[in-house]
Structure formats: C-alpha cells, structure tokens
Amino acid sequence: MRHLNKLRLMEFLIVGLLMGTIEDLIAISFATDATLDLRVVFVAFFVALPFAFISEIIVDHPLFWQKILRKG
C-alpha cells in the first residue's frame, strides 16, 4: 500500500469515524436524555460511517473536484 493511501486511510479512521462518532454522541447527549451506553456508541458509529466515507474518501480525493467541475 502506498504511503499516500495509508495516510488517507488513517485520516478516514481518525477524522471521519472517530470525530463523527464523538460529534454524534455529543448531539445525542444534548438532544435526548438517553444514557450513553455501548449500544448508543455503536449506533453513533454506524451513523457516522457512511458520512465519513463520503467526506474523507470520495470528496477529499485529489481528483474529485477536477472530475466534478470538468469544463466542456
């Protein structure tokens, strides 16, 4: 695996999944009176997973905006 791919994977895991899960847990704790147990953490993780994939792997790809904003 190339070095750049390893960095993108680490960014996906740390920034996308970890920060997305923490963000969801904060929102759950402020919006509801639910206790933050392991089941709630798993739900927050699986909710964060597709959004992390879309933002970190697809949109942050170096050629994404070149392909989307192609002229002509």
C-alpha atoms as a PDB file:
ATOM      1  CA  MET A   1       0.000   0.000   0.000  1.00  0.00           C
ATOM      2  CA  ARG A   2       1.429   3.350  -0.961  1.00  0.00           C
ATOM      3  CA  HIS A   3       2.235   5.909   1.698  1.00  0.00           C
ATOM      4  CA  LEU A   4      -0.438   8.308   0.449  1.00  0.00           C
ATOM      5  CA  ASN A   5      -3.118   5.619   0.627  1.00  0.00           C
ATOM      6  CA  LYS A   6      -2.094   4.812   4.196  1.00  0.00           C
ATOM      7  CA  LEU A   7      -2.397   8.469   5.149  1.00  0.00           C
ATOM      8  CA  ARG A   8      -5.848   8.738   3.562  1.00  0.00           C
ATOM      9  CA  LEU A   9      -6.965   5.607   5.393  1.00  0.00           C
ATOM     10  CA  MET A  10      -5.684   6.963   8.714  1.00  0.00           C
ATOM     11  CA  GLU A  11      -7.418  10.270   8.032  1.00  0.00           C
ATOM     12  CA  PHE A  12     -10.632   8.371   7.302  1.00  0.00           C
ATOM     13  CA  LEU A  13     -10.372   6.390  10.525  1.00  0.00           C
ATOM     14  CA  ILE A  14      -9.316   9.214  12.829  1.00  0.00           C
ATOM     15  CA  VAL A  15     -11.016  12.278  11.427  1.00  0.00           C
ATOM     16  CA  GLY A  16     -14.004  10.709   9.758  1.00  0.00           C
ATOM     17  CA  LEU A  17     -15.065   7.918  12.063  1.00  0.00           C
ATOM     18  CA  LEU A  18     -13.725   8.992  15.433  1.00  0.00           C
ATOM     19  CA  MET A  19     -14.677  12.641  15.183  1.00  0.00           C
ATOM     20  CA  GLY A  20     -18.016  11.804  13.550  1.00  0.00           C
ATOM     21  CA  THR A  21     -18.858   9.350  16.310  1.00  0.00           C
ATOM     22  CA  ILE A  22     -17.895  11.845  19.013  1.00  0.00           C
ATOM     23  CA  GLU A  23     -19.946  14.529  17.287  1.00  0.00           C
ATOM     24  CA  ASP A  24     -22.977  12.222  17.153  1.00  0.00           C
ATOM     25  CA  LEU A  25     -22.572  11.269  20.812  1.00  0.00           C
ATOM     26  CA  ILE A  26     -22.465  14.936  21.818  1.00  0.00           C
ATOM     27  CA  ALA A  27     -25.615  15.614  19.794  1.00  0.00           C
ATOM     28  CA  ILE A  28     -27.376  12.614  21.341  1.00  0.00           C
ATOM     29  CA  SER A  29     -26.455  13.690  24.862  1.00  0.00           C
ATOM     30  CA  PHE A  30     -27.691  17.264  24.294  1.00  0.00           C
ATOM     31  CA  ALA A  31     -30.856  16.368  22.403  1.00  0.00           C
ATOM     32  CA  THR A  32     -32.098  13.396  24.427  1.00  0.00           C
ATOM     33  CA  ASP A  33     -31.980  12.087  27.931  1.00  0.00           C
ATOM     34  CA  ALA A  34     -30.565   8.738  26.766  1.00  0.00           C
ATOM     35  CA  THR A  35     -27.700   7.213  28.676  1.00  0.00           C
ATOM     36  CA  LEU A  36     -24.572   6.765  26.615  1.00  0.00           C
ATOM     37  CA  ASP A  37     -24.040   3.024  26.757  1.00  0.00           C
ATOM     38  CA  LEU A  38     -22.276   0.715  24.317  1.00  0.00           C
ATOM     39  CA  ARG A  39     -25.388   0.289  22.161  1.00  0.00           C
ATOM     40  CA  VAL A  40     -25.696   4.051  21.639  1.00  0.00           C
ATOM     41  CA  VAL A  41     -21.990   4.259  20.774  1.00  0.00           C
ATOM     42  CA  PHE A  42     -22.424   1.519  18.150  1.00  0.00           C
ATOM     43  CA  VAL A  43     -25.410   3.314  16.632  1.00  0.00           C
ATOM     44  CA  ALA A  44     -23.469   6.593  16.513  1.00  0.00           C
ATOM     45  CA  PHE A  45     -20.533   4.775  14.905  1.00  0.00           C
ATOM     46  CA  PHE A  46     -22.675   3.197  12.192  1.00  0.00           C
ATOM     47  CA  VAL A  47     -24.407   6.512  11.511  1.00  0.00           C
ATOM     48  CA  ALA A  48     -21.031   8.249  11.154  1.00  0.00           C
ATOM     49  CA  LEU A  49     -19.608   5.555   8.860  1.00  0.00           C
ATOM     50  CA  PRO A  50     -21.242   6.499   5.513  1.00  0.00           C
ATOM     51  CA  PHE A  51     -20.751  10.225   6.085  1.00  0.00           C
ATOM     52  CA  ALA A  52     -17.093   9.701   6.950  1.00  0.00           C
ATOM     53  CA  PHE A  53     -16.647   7.580   3.836  1.00  0.00           C
ATOM     54  CA  ILE A  54     -18.278  10.183   1.603  1.00  0.00           C
ATOM     55  CA  SER A  55     -16.367  13.121   3.050  1.00  0.00           C
ATOM     56  CA  GLU A  56     -12.931  11.615   3.607  1.00  0.00           C
ATOM     57  CA  ILE A  57     -12.555   9.046   0.823  1.00  0.00           C
ATOM     58  CA  ILE A  58     -14.630  10.437  -2.035  1.00  0.00           C
ATOM     59  CA  VAL A  59     -14.751  14.233  -1.661  1.00  0.00           C
ATOM     60  CA  ASP A  60     -11.208  14.623  -0.337  1.00  0.00           C
ATOM     61  CA  HIS A  61      -9.770  12.602  -3.231  1.00  0.00           C
ATOM     62  CA  PRO A  62      -7.243  14.767  -5.093  1.00  0.00           C
ATOM     63  CA  LEU A  63      -9.038  14.430  -8.443  1.00  0.00           C
ATOM     64  CA  PHE A  64     -12.635  14.710  -7.174  1.00  0.00           C
ATOM     65  CA  TRP A  65     -13.195  18.396  -7.913  1.00  0.00           C
ATOM     66  CA  GLN A  66     -11.384  18.175 -11.228  1.00  0.00           C
ATOM     67  CA  LYS A  67     -13.772  15.448 -12.351  1.00  0.00           C
ATOM     68  CA  ILE A  68     -16.871  17.202 -10.984  1.00  0.00           C
ATOM     69  CA  LEU A  69     -16.041  20.654 -12.327  1.00  0.00           C
ATOM     70  CA  ARG A  70     -14.791  19.461 -15.699  1.00  0.00           C
ATOM     71  CA  LYS A  71     -15.281  22.151 -18.320  1.00  0.00           C
ATOM     72  CA  GLY A  72     -16.880  21.357 -21.638  1.00  0.00           C
END
